[in-house]
Amino acid sequence: MMVFPSSPSGALPLCILIPAGPGEAEIARVTDLMDACAAYADLPLSVVVINDGNDDARLALAGRTRRIPTTVRPNARRGAGDWWCGGLDMAMIEALLWIARHHPCCGVLRLDSDALVINPYARTITGLFERDGSVGMMGNFDSPTGAPIPPGHRHTAMLYWRSKPVSYEREQRKLIFSFWGWRLKMRRLIGRARAHGYVLGDSCQGGGYALSPEFLRRLAADPFFARPRDFIRFDVCEDVVIALAVHALGLRIHYTTGPARLFASKWKGLIAAPESLAAAGQGIIHSVKDHAGRSETDIRAFFAARRSLL
């Protein structure tokens, strides 16, 4: 039985939010991830799983067998939208609104199923949120240091053109008008974010990041985000959209940087070998899928063996 130390956040848990796709492999990933979250938890936890085509009971069991209160919710997109962009944008906003309104917590740790927790993490996350109420999001940029790279990359250009009433789509060779519908919604979101200091293209890599209670409170209170389906046709990935929302709500991103940073998340692979990550003290890593010739099975086995020594 897990015994948690007293928490400066009181009785409220840190909520782990995991989007899960279909298939046996995904259930195994979520199960291993929950085992790691429980092993290194230094605060009470709860779990919310966004289920996109798997068995609810098996996903719930993965958390409950580790004594973590677990809620499995259907993916709000119900098969519509692009899973990597608008579909996930909608699903994430709907889930965050549900958590804000029905699931009191001291923050949300959003993890992909191929992320992993490898050291204590919860107190560091909630401690930052408690010390600095201006922080809405915590994670790392997908760069060698974890800090944002200067504007000028692909997302900078995409968001620049999406912020314009009229732009030119170079790949399709056509003019894009953003005077109505989802394109107007995106343009207004970018405008609001920039008005609060957002730098075009900044975001936390989506494999793992945390969101503060203040972000949840402001999100639930703002009519702009009241209808998640408004986001289902967005053509920007969820981690960028949530970064925009953080700034649009008057908050900011805290980036963990350096070789021992808490969040060490890449789009593909790991920033270093598993042994180096463990020794450096990183807390949350992504992605454990096939890194530098080592299979996902091998990487997970390494970290599971390390947990068994706790």
C-alpha atoms as a PDB file:
ATOM      1  CA  MET A   1       0.000   0.000   0.000  1.00  0.00           C
ATOM      2  CA  MET A   2       1.372   3.427  -0.963  1.00  0.00           C
ATOM      3  CA  VAL A   3       1.807   5.900   1.882  1.00  0.00           C
ATOM      4  CA  PHE A   4       2.136   9.491   0.739  1.00  0.00           C
ATOM      5  CA  PRO A   5       3.964  12.133   2.765  1.00  0.00           C
ATOM      6  CA  SER A   6       2.089  15.192   3.937  1.00  0.00           C
ATOM      7  CA  SER A   7       1.538  17.649   1.116  1.00  0.00           C
ATOM      8  CA  PRO A   8       1.670  21.442   1.047  1.00  0.00           C
ATOM      9  CA  SER A   9      -1.214  21.162  -1.421  1.00  0.00           C
ATOM     10  CA  GLY A  10      -3.481  19.532   1.154  1.00  0.00           C
ATOM     11  CA  ALA A  11      -5.561  16.524   0.186  1.00  0.00           C
ATOM     12  CA  LEU A  12      -5.922  17.373  -3.491  1.00  0.00           C
ATOM     13  CA  PRO A  13      -4.209  14.927  -5.865  1.00  0.00           C
ATOM     14  CA  LEU A  14      -2.046  15.626  -8.871  1.00  0.00           C
ATOM     15  CA  CYS A  15      -4.183  14.471 -11.806  1.00  0.00           C
ATOM     16  CA  ILE A  16      -2.421  12.404 -14.477  1.00  0.00           C
ATOM     17  CA  LEU A  17      -4.158  12.880 -17.858  1.00  0.00           C
ATOM     18  CA  ILE A  18      -3.390  10.215 -20.467  1.00  0.00           C
ATOM     19  CA  PRO A  19      -4.812  10.025 -24.012  1.00  0.00           C
ATOM     20  CA  ALA A  20      -4.979   6.344 -25.010  1.00  0.00           C
ATOM     21  CA  GLY A  21      -5.502   4.897 -28.472  1.00  0.00           C
ATOM     22  CA  PRO A  22      -6.784   1.441 -29.417  1.00  0.00           C
ATOM     23  CA  GLY A  23      -4.975  -1.886 -29.169  1.00  0.00           C
ATOM     24  CA  GLU A  24      -3.293  -4.273 -26.745  1.00  0.00           C
ATOM     25  CA  ALA A  25       0.029  -2.446 -27.002  1.00  0.00           C
ATOM     26  CA  GLU A  26      -1.619   0.740 -25.798  1.00  0.00           C
ATOM     27  CA  ILE A  27      -3.118  -0.946 -22.743  1.00  0.00           C
ATOM     28  CA  ALA A  28       0.322  -2.330 -21.891  1.00  0.00           C
ATOM     29  CA  ARG A  29       1.871   1.139 -22.249  1.00  0.00           C
ATOM     30  CA  VAL A  30      -0.732   2.783 -20.020  1.00  0.00           C
ATOM     31  CA  THR A  31      -0.302   0.025 -17.424  1.00  0.00           C
ATOM     32  CA  ASP A  32       3.484   0.455 -17.348  1.00  0.00           C
ATOM     33  CA  LEU A  33       3.132   4.248 -17.201  1.00  0.00           C
ATOM     34  CA  MET A  34       0.736   4.064 -14.237  1.00  0.00           C
ATOM     35  CA  ASP A  35       3.097   1.700 -12.456  1.00  0.00           C
ATOM     36  CA  ALA A  36       5.901   4.238 -12.892  1.00  0.00           C
ATOM     37  CA  CYS A  37       3.712   7.161 -11.801  1.00  0.00           C
ATOM     38  CA  ALA A  38       2.766   5.302  -8.633  1.00  0.00           C
ATOM     39  CA  ALA A  39       6.319   4.165  -7.879  1.00  0.00           C
ATOM     40  CA  TYR A  40       7.764   7.677  -7.916  1.00  0.00           C
ATOM     41  CA  ALA A  41       4.772   9.593  -6.566  1.00  0.00           C
ATOM     42  CA  ASP A  42       5.571  11.928  -3.695  1.00  0.00           C
ATOM     43  CA  LEU A  43       1.997  13.258  -3.532  1.00  0.00           C
ATOM     44  CA  PRO A  44      -1.453  11.663  -3.863  1.00  0.00           C
ATOM     45  CA  LEU A  45      -2.446  10.947  -7.462  1.00  0.00           C
ATOM     46  CA  SER A  46      -5.547  10.503  -9.568  1.00  0.00           C
ATOM     47  CA  VAL A  47      -5.747   9.454 -13.215  1.00  0.00           C
ATOM     48  CA  VAL A  48      -8.047  10.450 -16.071  1.00  0.00           C
ATOM     49  CA  VAL A  49      -7.714   8.439 -19.281  1.00  0.00           C
ATOM     50  CA  ILE A  50      -9.108   9.717 -22.584  1.00  0.00           C
ATOM     51  CA  ASN A  51     -10.141   6.441 -24.202  1.00  0.00           C
ATOM     52  CA  ASP A  52     -10.131   6.320 -27.997  1.00  0.00           C
ATOM     53  CA  GLY A  53     -11.213   2.775 -28.809  1.00  0.00           C
ATOM     54  CA  ASN A  54     -10.038   0.573 -25.935  1.00  0.00           C
ATOM     55  CA  ASP A  55     -11.757  -1.360 -23.177  1.00  0.00           C
ATOM     56  CA  ASP A  56     -12.751   1.022 -20.367  1.00  0.00           C
ATOM     57  CA  ALA A  57     -12.536  -1.596 -17.637  1.00  0.00           C
ATOM     58  CA  ARG A  58      -9.007  -2.693 -18.516  1.00  0.00           C
ATOM     59  CA  LEU A  59      -7.739   0.880 -18.609  1.00  0.00           C
ATOM     60  CA  ALA A  60      -9.373   1.645 -15.274  1.00  0.00           C
ATOM     61  CA  LEU A  61      -7.905  -1.510 -13.742  1.00  0.00           C
ATOM     62  CA  ALA A  62      -4.396  -0.370 -14.685  1.00  0.00           C
ATOM     63  CA  GLY A  63      -4.713   2.497 -12.203  1.00  0.00           C
ATOM     64  CA  ARG A  64      -6.892   0.957  -9.532  1.00  0.00           C
ATOM     65  CA  THR A  65      -4.640  -2.053  -8.995  1.00  0.00           C
ATOM     66  CA  ARG A  66      -1.988   0.529  -8.043  1.00  0.00           C
ATOM     67  CA  ARG A  67      -4.449   2.225  -5.654  1.00  0.00           C
ATOM     68  CA  ILE A  68      -4.785   5.284  -7.884  1.00  0.00           C
ATOM     69  CA  PRO A  69      -8.372   6.572  -8.319  1.00  0.00           C
ATOM     70  CA  THR A  70      -8.912   6.254 -12.072  1.00  0.00           C
ATOM     71  CA  THR A  71     -11.590   7.689 -14.372  1.00  0.00           C
ATOM     72  CA  VAL A  72     -11.870   6.559 -17.986  1.00  0.00           C
ATOM     73  CA  ARG A  73     -13.719   8.929 -20.293  1.00  0.00           C
ATOM     74  CA  PRO A  74     -14.649   8.456 -23.954  1.00  0.00           C
ATOM     75  CA  ASN A  75     -12.772  10.604 -26.416  1.00  0.00           C
ATOM     76  CA  ALA A  76     -15.080  13.540 -27.132  1.00  0.00           C
ATOM     77  CA  ARG A  77     -14.142  13.622 -30.810  1.00  0.00           C
ATOM     78  CA  ARG A  78     -15.922  10.267 -31.379  1.00  0.00           C
ATOM     79  CA  GLY A  79     -13.808   9.432 -34.416  1.00  0.00           C
ATOM     80  CA  ALA A  80     -14.050  12.868 -36.017  1.00  0.00           C
ATOM     81  CA  GLY A  81     -11.165  15.205 -36.750  1.00  0.00           C
ATOM     82  CA  ASP A  82      -7.463  14.581 -37.209  1.00  0.00           C
ATOM     83  CA  TRP A  83      -6.175  12.704 -34.148  1.00  0.00           C
ATOM     84  CA  TRP A  84      -2.849  14.570 -34.227  1.00  0.00           C
ATOM     85  CA  CYS A  85      -4.371  18.036 -34.636  1.00  0.00           C
ATOM     86  CA  GLY A  86      -7.999  19.126 -34.321  1.00  0.00           C
ATOM     87  CA  GLY A  87      -9.279  15.825 -32.967  1.00  0.00           C
ATOM     88  CA  LEU A  88      -6.761  15.866 -30.135  1.00  0.00           C
ATOM     89  CA  ASP A  89      -7.228  19.613 -29.623  1.00  0.00           C
ATOM     90  CA  MET A  90     -10.917  19.036 -29.019  1.00  0.00           C
ATOM     91  CA  ALA A  91     -10.374  15.951 -26.860  1.00  0.00           C
ATOM     92  CA  MET A  92      -7.822  17.691 -24.652  1.00  0.00           C
ATOM     93  CA  ILE A  93      -9.867  20.853 -24.106  1.00  0.00           C
ATOM     94  CA  GLU A  94     -12.977  18.812 -23.310  1.00  0.00           C
ATOM     95  CA  ALA A  95     -11.059  16.671 -20.813  1.00  0.00           C
ATOM     96  CA  LEU A  96      -9.442  19.678 -19.141  1.00  0.00           C
ATOM     97  CA  LEU A  97     -12.817  21.392 -18.790  1.00  0.00           C
ATOM     98  CA  TRP A  98     -14.241  18.228 -17.215  1.00  0.00           C
ATOM     99  CA  ILE A  99     -11.341  18.041 -14.759  1.00  0.00           C
ATOM    100  CA  ALA A 100     -11.685  21.743 -13.915  1.00  0.00           C
ATOM    101  CA  ARG A 101     -15.401  21.382 -13.184  1.00  0.00           C
ATOM    102  CA  HIS A 102     -15.692  17.904 -11.670  1.00  0.00           C
ATOM    103  CA  HIS A 103     -12.282  16.664 -10.516  1.00  0.00           C
ATOM    104  CA  PRO A 104     -10.526  18.953  -7.993  1.00  0.00           C
ATOM    105  CA  CYS A 105      -6.756  18.618  -8.175  1.00  0.00           C
ATOM    106  CA  CYS A 106      -3.519  20.506  -7.517  1.00  0.00           C
ATOM    107  CA  GLY A 107      -2.527  20.417 -11.191  1.00  0.00           C
ATOM    108  CA  VAL A 108      -2.633  18.217 -14.273  1.00  0.00           C
ATOM    109  CA  LEU A 109       0.299  16.188 -15.580  1.00  0.00           C
ATOM    110  CA  ARG A 110      -0.496  15.360 -19.194  1.00  0.00           C
ATOM    111  CA  LEU A 111       1.434  12.311 -20.440  1.00  0.00           C
ATOM    112  CA  ASP A 112       1.433  10.366 -23.682  1.00  0.00           C
ATOM    113  CA  SER A 113       1.254   6.609 -23.252  1.00  0.00           C
ATOM    114  CA  ASP A 114       4.847   6.379 -24.521  1.00  0.00           C
ATOM    115  CA  ALA A 115       6.096   8.809 -21.878  1.00  0.00           C
ATOM    116  CA  LEU A 116       7.550   7.485 -18.641  1.00  0.00           C
ATOM    117  CA  VAL A 117       8.218   8.723 -15.117  1.00  0.00           C
ATOM    118  CA  ILE A 118      11.698   7.743 -13.876  1.00  0.00           C
ATOM    119  CA  ASN A 119      12.248   9.829 -10.713  1.00  0.00           C
ATOM    120  CA  PRO A 120      10.129  11.760  -8.153  1.00  0.00           C
ATOM    121  CA  TYR A 121       8.169  14.503  -9.876  1.00  0.00           C
ATOM    122  CA  ALA A 122       4.886  15.578  -8.273  1.00  0.00           C
ATOM    123  CA  ARG A 123       6.174  17.877  -5.521  1.00  0.00           C
ATOM    124  CA  THR A 124       8.415  19.702  -7.977  1.00  0.00           C
ATOM    125  CA  ILE A 125       5.453  20.395 -10.263  1.00  0.00           C
ATOM    126  CA  THR A 126       2.975  21.489  -7.615  1.00  0.00           C
ATOM    127  CA  GLY A 127       5.616  23.426  -5.703  1.00  0.00           C
ATOM    128  CA  LEU A 128       6.296  25.642  -8.696  1.00  0.00           C
ATOM    129  CA  PHE A 129       2.590  26.268  -9.248  1.00  0.00           C
ATOM    130  CA  GLU A 130       2.163  27.226  -5.587  1.00  0.00           C
ATOM    131  CA  ARG A 131       5.150  29.583  -5.596  1.00  0.00           C
ATOM    132  CA  ASP A 132       4.339  31.373  -8.847  1.00  0.00           C
ATOM    133  CA  GLY A 133       0.715  31.981  -9.761  1.00  0.00           C
ATOM    134  CA  SER A 134       1.691  33.387 -13.164  1.00  0.00           C
ATOM    135  CA  VAL A 135       2.777  29.957 -14.441  1.00  0.00           C
ATOM    136  CA  GLY A 136       0.095  28.073 -16.342  1.00  0.00           C
ATOM    137  CA  MET A 137       2.203  25.436 -18.063  1.00  0.00           C
ATOM    138  CA  MET A 138       5.428  23.593 -17.245  1.00  0.00           C
ATOM    139  CA  GLY A 139       7.490  21.434 -19.578  1.00  0.00           C
ATOM    140  CA  ASN A 140      10.298  21.619 -22.089  1.00  0.00           C
ATOM    141  CA  PHE A 141      10.668  22.790 -25.664  1.00  0.00           C
ATOM    142  CA  ASP A 142      11.788  20.088 -28.101  1.00  0.00           C
ATOM    143  CA  SER A 143      15.376  21.333 -28.245  1.00  0.00           C
ATOM    144  CA  PRO A 144      18.728  20.041 -26.916  1.00  0.00           C
ATOM    145  CA  THR A 145      18.581  22.317 -23.858  1.00  0.00           C
ATOM    146  CA  GLY A 146      14.817  22.277 -23.317  1.00  0.00           C
ATOM    147  CA  ALA A 147      14.590  26.040 -23.893  1.00  0.00           C
ATOM    148  CA  PRO A 148      12.649  27.534 -26.827  1.00  0.00           C
ATOM    149  CA  ILE A 149      14.655  28.172 -29.968  1.00  0.00           C
ATOM    150  CA  PRO A 150      14.411  31.655 -31.537  1.00  0.00           C
ATOM    151  CA  PRO A 151      11.414  32.388 -33.772  1.00  0.00           C
ATOM    152  CA  GLY A 152      11.753  31.382 -37.406  1.00  0.00           C
ATOM    153  CA  HIS A 153      10.998  27.665 -37.339  1.00  0.00           C
ATOM    154  CA  ARG A 154       8.064  25.857 -38.949  1.00  0.00           C
ATOM    155  CA  HIS A 155       5.539  26.586 -36.194  1.00  0.00           C
ATOM    156  CA  THR A 156       6.484  30.268 -36.208  1.00  0.00           C
ATOM    157  CA  ALA A 157       5.629  30.530 -39.898  1.00  0.00           C
ATOM    158  CA  MET A 158       2.429  28.505 -39.558  1.00  0.00           C
ATOM    159  CA  LEU A 159       1.103  30.584 -36.687  1.00  0.00           C
ATOM    160  CA  TYR A 160       2.124  33.819 -38.371  1.00  0.00           C
ATOM    161  CA  TRP A 161      -0.015  33.041 -41.403  1.00  0.00           C
ATOM    162  CA  ARG A 162      -2.862  31.626 -39.304  1.00  0.00           C
ATOM    163  CA  SER A 163      -2.964  34.984 -37.483  1.00  0.00           C
ATOM    164  CA  LYS A 164      -3.710  36.884 -40.703  1.00  0.00           C
ATOM    165  CA  PRO A 165      -7.191  37.576 -42.130  1.00  0.00           C
ATOM    166  CA  VAL A 166      -5.887  36.529 -45.555  1.00  0.00           C
ATOM    167  CA  SER A 167      -2.876  34.267 -46.198  1.00  0.00           C
ATOM    168  CA  TYR A 168      -1.432  32.153 -48.984  1.00  0.00           C
ATOM    169  CA  GLU A 169      -1.313  28.373 -48.594  1.00  0.00           C
ATOM    170  CA  ARG A 170       1.885  27.521 -50.439  1.00  0.00           C
ATOM    171  CA  GLU A 171       1.443  23.743 -50.543  1.00  0.00           C
ATOM    172  CA  GLN A 172      -2.054  23.964 -51.989  1.00  0.00           C
ATOM    173  CA  ARG A 173      -1.362  27.203 -53.883  1.00  0.00           C
ATOM    174  CA  LYS A 174      -4.504  28.994 -52.765  1.00  0.00           C
ATOM    175  CA  LEU A 175      -5.593  31.961 -50.701  1.00  0.00           C
ATOM    176  CA  ILE A 176      -6.905  31.266 -47.207  1.00  0.00           C
ATOM    177  CA  PHE A 177      -9.559  33.568 -45.753  1.00  0.00           C
ATOM    178  CA  SER A 178      -9.928  33.609 -41.948  1.00  0.00           C
ATOM    179  CA  PHE A 179     -13.115  35.645 -41.509  1.00  0.00           C
ATOM    180  CA  TRP A 180     -15.408  32.908 -40.179  1.00  0.00           C
ATOM    181  CA  GLY A 181     -15.593  29.453 -38.606  1.00  0.00           C
ATOM    182  CA  TRP A 182     -12.622  27.647 -37.142  1.00  0.00           C
ATOM    183  CA  ARG A 183     -10.088  29.800 -38.968  1.00  0.00           C
ATOM    184  CA  LEU A 184     -11.474  32.922 -37.315  1.00  0.00           C
ATOM    185  CA  LYS A 185     -11.409  31.064 -33.967  1.00  0.00           C
ATOM    186  CA  MET A 186      -7.745  30.233 -34.449  1.00  0.00           C
ATOM    187  CA  ARG A 187      -6.890  33.766 -35.524  1.00  0.00           C
ATOM    188  CA  ARG A 188      -8.538  35.174 -32.404  1.00  0.00           C
ATOM    189  CA  LEU A 189      -6.767  32.649 -30.171  1.00  0.00           C
ATOM    190  CA  ILE A 190      -3.378  33.609 -31.618  1.00  0.00           C
ATOM    191  CA  GLY A 191      -4.225  37.297 -31.265  1.00  0.00           C
ATOM    192  CA  ARG A 192      -5.186  36.916 -27.620  1.00  0.00           C
ATOM    193  CA  ALA A 193      -2.032  34.948 -26.873  1.00  0.00           C
ATOM    194  CA  ARG A 194       0.229  37.508 -28.568  1.00  0.00           C
ATOM    195  CA  ALA A 195      -1.449  40.300 -26.628  1.00  0.00           C
ATOM    196  CA  HIS A 196      -0.151  38.566 -23.471  1.00  0.00           C
ATOM    197  CA  GLY A 197       3.409  38.177 -24.717  1.00  0.00           C
ATOM    198  CA  TYR A 198       3.247  34.896 -26.629  1.00  0.00           C
ATOM    199  CA  VAL A 199       6.184  34.316 -28.999  1.00  0.00           C
ATOM    200  CA  LEU A 200       4.998  32.635 -32.186  1.00  0.00           C
ATOM    201  CA  GLY A 201       5.965  28.968 -32.140  1.00  0.00           C
ATOM    202  CA  ASP A 202       6.639  28.546 -28.424  1.00  0.00           C
ATOM    203  CA  SER A 203       5.185  25.421 -26.796  1.00  0.00           C
ATOM    204  CA  CYS A 204       5.991  22.526 -24.497  1.00  0.00           C
ATOM    205  CA  GLN A 205       6.668  19.250 -26.271  1.00  0.00           C
ATOM    206  CA  GLY A 206       3.415  17.328 -26.055  1.00  0.00           C
ATOM    207  CA  GLY A 207       4.712  13.991 -24.764  1.00  0.00           C
ATOM    208  CA  GLY A 208       4.696  15.372 -21.237  1.00  0.00           C
ATOM    209  CA  TYR A 209       3.810  18.704 -19.658  1.00  0.00           C
ATOM    210  CA  ALA A 210       1.938  20.036 -16.615  1.00  0.00           C
ATOM    211  CA  LEU A 211      -0.889  22.564 -16.247  1.00  0.00           C
ATOM    212  CA  SER A 212      -1.629  24.607 -13.148  1.00  0.00           C
ATOM    213  CA  PRO A 213      -4.850  24.872 -11.116  1.00  0.00           C
ATOM    214  CA  GLU A 214      -5.030  28.545 -12.087  1.00  0.00           C
ATOM    215  CA  PHE A 215      -4.969  27.580 -15.760  1.00  0.00           C
ATOM    216  CA  LEU A 216      -7.821  25.136 -15.158  1.00  0.00           C
ATOM    217  CA  ARG A 217      -9.815  27.784 -13.295  1.00  0.00           C
ATOM    218  CA  ARG A 218      -9.402  30.385 -16.044  1.00  0.00           C
ATOM    219  CA  LEU A 219     -10.084  27.866 -18.807  1.00  0.00           C
ATOM    220  CA  ALA A 220     -13.401  26.830 -17.254  1.00  0.00           C
ATOM    221  CA  ALA A 221     -14.461  30.459 -16.712  1.00  0.00           C
ATOM    222  CA  ASP A 222     -13.710  31.712 -20.238  1.00  0.00           C
ATOM    223  CA  PRO A 223     -16.547  31.455 -22.795  1.00  0.00           C
ATOM    224  CA  PHE A 224     -13.990  31.255 -25.636  1.00  0.00           C
ATOM    225  CA  PHE A 225     -13.202  27.653 -24.621  1.00  0.00           C
ATOM    226  CA  ALA A 226     -16.724  26.617 -23.621  1.00  0.00           C
ATOM    227  CA  ARG A 227     -17.375  24.573 -26.794  1.00  0.00           C
ATOM    228  CA  PRO A 228     -14.505  22.131 -27.411  1.00  0.00           C
ATOM    229  CA  ARG A 229     -15.993  21.112 -30.759  1.00  0.00           C
ATOM    230  CA  ASP A 230     -15.056  24.573 -32.081  1.00  0.00           C
ATOM    231  CA  PHE A 231     -11.457  23.280 -32.146  1.00  0.00           C
ATOM    232  CA  ILE A 232     -12.015  20.027 -34.027  1.00  0.00           C
ATOM    233  CA  ARG A 233     -10.894  21.388 -37.417  1.00  0.00           C
ATOM    234  CA  PHE A 234      -7.798  23.169 -36.142  1.00  0.00           C
ATOM    235  CA  ASP A 235      -4.704  22.184 -38.142  1.00  0.00           C
ATOM    236  CA  VAL A 236      -2.209  22.846 -35.326  1.00  0.00           C
ATOM    237  CA  CYS A 237      -1.129  20.171 -32.843  1.00  0.00           C
ATOM    238  CA  GLU A 238      -2.522  20.065 -29.326  1.00  0.00           C
ATOM    239  CA  ASP A 239       0.655  21.068 -27.489  1.00  0.00           C
ATOM    240  CA  VAL A 240       0.824  24.305 -29.504  1.00  0.00           C
ATOM    241  CA  VAL A 241      -2.898  25.010 -29.016  1.00  0.00           C
ATOM    242  CA  ILE A 242      -2.617  24.529 -25.240  1.00  0.00           C
ATOM    243  CA  ALA A 243       0.421  26.849 -25.154  1.00  0.00           C
ATOM    244  CA  LEU A 244      -1.654  29.443 -27.003  1.00  0.00           C
ATOM    245  CA  ALA A 245      -4.482  28.948 -24.498  1.00  0.00           C
ATOM    246  CA  VAL A 246      -2.101  29.426 -21.555  1.00  0.00           C
ATOM    247  CA  HIS A 247      -1.014  32.823 -22.873  1.00  0.00           C
ATOM    248  CA  ALA A 248      -4.511  33.778 -24.048  1.00  0.00           C
ATOM    249  CA  LEU A 249      -5.623  33.319 -20.425  1.00  0.00           C
ATOM    250  CA  GLY A 250      -2.920  35.682 -19.186  1.00  0.00           C
ATOM    251  CA  LEU A 251      -0.491  33.045 -17.884  1.00  0.00           C
ATOM    252  CA  ARG A 252       2.955  31.935 -18.996  1.00  0.00           C
ATOM    253  CA  ILE A 253       5.071  28.848 -19.654  1.00  0.00           C
ATOM    254  CA  HIS A 254       7.890  27.720 -17.376  1.00  0.00           C
ATOM    255  CA  TYR A 255      10.521  25.728 -19.301  1.00  0.00           C
ATOM    256  CA  THR A 256      12.643  23.144 -17.504  1.00  0.00           C
ATOM    257  CA  THR A 257      16.126  23.294 -19.000  1.00  0.00           C
ATOM    258  CA  GLY A 258      19.564  21.748 -18.678  1.00  0.00           C
ATOM    259  CA  PRO A 259      20.887  18.181 -18.409  1.00  0.00           C
ATOM    260  CA  ALA A 260      19.008  17.379 -15.177  1.00  0.00           C
ATOM    261  CA  ARG A 261      15.692  18.958 -16.084  1.00  0.00           C
ATOM    262  CA  LEU A 262      12.447  17.495 -14.760  1.00  0.00           C
ATOM    263  CA  PHE A 263      10.822  17.279 -18.207  1.00  0.00           C
ATOM    264  CA  ALA A 264      12.984  15.724 -20.920  1.00  0.00           C
ATOM    265  CA  SER A 265      10.560  15.192 -23.776  1.00  0.00           C
ATOM    266  CA  LYS A 266      11.334  14.717 -27.481  1.00  0.00           C
ATOM    267  CA  TRP A 267       9.016  14.080 -30.409  1.00  0.00           C
ATOM    268  CA  LYS A 268      10.889  10.866 -31.289  1.00  0.00           C
ATOM    269  CA  GLY A 269      13.307   8.871 -29.185  1.00  0.00           C
ATOM    270  CA  LEU A 270      15.040  10.008 -25.999  1.00  0.00           C
ATOM    271  CA  ILE A 271      17.457  12.858 -25.386  1.00  0.00           C
ATOM    272  CA  ALA A 272      20.048  10.363 -24.075  1.00  0.00           C
ATOM    273  CA  ALA A 273      20.491   6.690 -23.226  1.00  0.00           C
ATOM    274  CA  PRO A 274      18.211   5.353 -20.462  1.00  0.00           C
ATOM    275  CA  GLU A 275      21.154   4.891 -18.087  1.00  0.00           C
ATOM    276  CA  SER A 276      22.218   8.519 -18.563  1.00  0.00           C
ATOM    277  CA  LEU A 277      18.698   9.837 -18.038  1.00  0.00           C
ATOM    278  CA  ALA A 278      18.299   7.895 -14.805  1.00  0.00           C
ATOM    279  CA  ALA A 279      21.672   9.038 -13.481  1.00  0.00           C
ATOM    280  CA  ALA A 280      21.066  12.680 -14.387  1.00  0.00           C
ATOM    281  CA  GLY A 281      17.863  12.796 -12.358  1.00  0.00           C
ATOM    282  CA  GLN A 282      15.325  13.561 -15.069  1.00  0.00           C
ATOM    283  CA  GLY A 283      11.772  12.930 -13.931  1.00  0.00           C
ATOM    284  CA  ILE A 284       9.592  12.630 -17.049  1.00  0.00           C
ATOM    285  CA  ILE A 285      10.858  11.328 -20.396  1.00  0.00           C
ATOM    286  CA  HIS A 286       9.427  10.829 -23.892  1.00  0.00           C
ATOM    287  CA  SER A 287       9.485   8.877 -26.132  1.00  0.00           C
ATOM    288  CA  VAL A 288      10.459   5.391 -25.033  1.00  0.00           C
ATOM    289  CA  LYS A 289       9.630   3.955 -28.456  1.00  0.00           C
ATOM    290  CA  ASP A 290      12.699   2.508 -30.209  1.00  0.00           C
ATOM    291  CA  HIS A 291      15.598   4.776 -29.260  1.00  0.00           C
ATOM    292  CA  ALA A 292      19.023   4.480 -30.944  1.00  0.00           C
ATOM    293  CA  GLY A 293      18.724   0.784 -31.737  1.00  0.00           C
ATOM    294  CA  ARG A 294      17.071  -0.156 -28.433  1.00  0.00           C
ATOM    295  CA  SER A 295      13.510  -1.395 -28.586  1.00  0.00           C
ATOM    296  CA  GLU A 296      10.631  -0.057 -26.530  1.00  0.00           C
ATOM    297  CA  THR A 297      10.488  -3.411 -24.729  1.00  0.00           C
ATOM    298  CA  ASP A 298      14.152  -3.145 -23.733  1.00  0.00           C
ATOM    299  CA  ILE A 299      13.829   0.465 -22.556  1.00  0.00           C
ATOM    300  CA  ARG A 300      10.753  -0.272 -20.470  1.00  0.00           C
ATOM    301  CA  ALA A 301      12.419  -3.354 -18.973  1.00  0.00           C
ATOM    302  CA  PHE A 302      15.416  -1.254 -17.904  1.00  0.00           C
ATOM    303  CA  PHE A 303      13.246   1.261 -16.068  1.00  0.00           C
ATOM    304  CA  ALA A 304      10.952  -1.422 -14.599  1.00  0.00           C
ATOM    305  CA  ALA A 305      13.996  -3.203 -13.133  1.00  0.00           C
ATOM    306  CA  ARG A 306      15.161   0.080 -11.656  1.00  0.00           C
ATOM    307  CA  ARG A 307      11.730   0.651 -10.059  1.00  0.00           C
ATOM    308  CA  SER A 308      11.812  -2.814  -8.523  1.00  0.00           C
ATOM    309  CA  LEU A 309      14.733  -1.678  -6.353  1.00  0.00           C
ATOM    310  CA  LEU A 310      12.758   1.119  -4.681  1.00  0.00           C
END
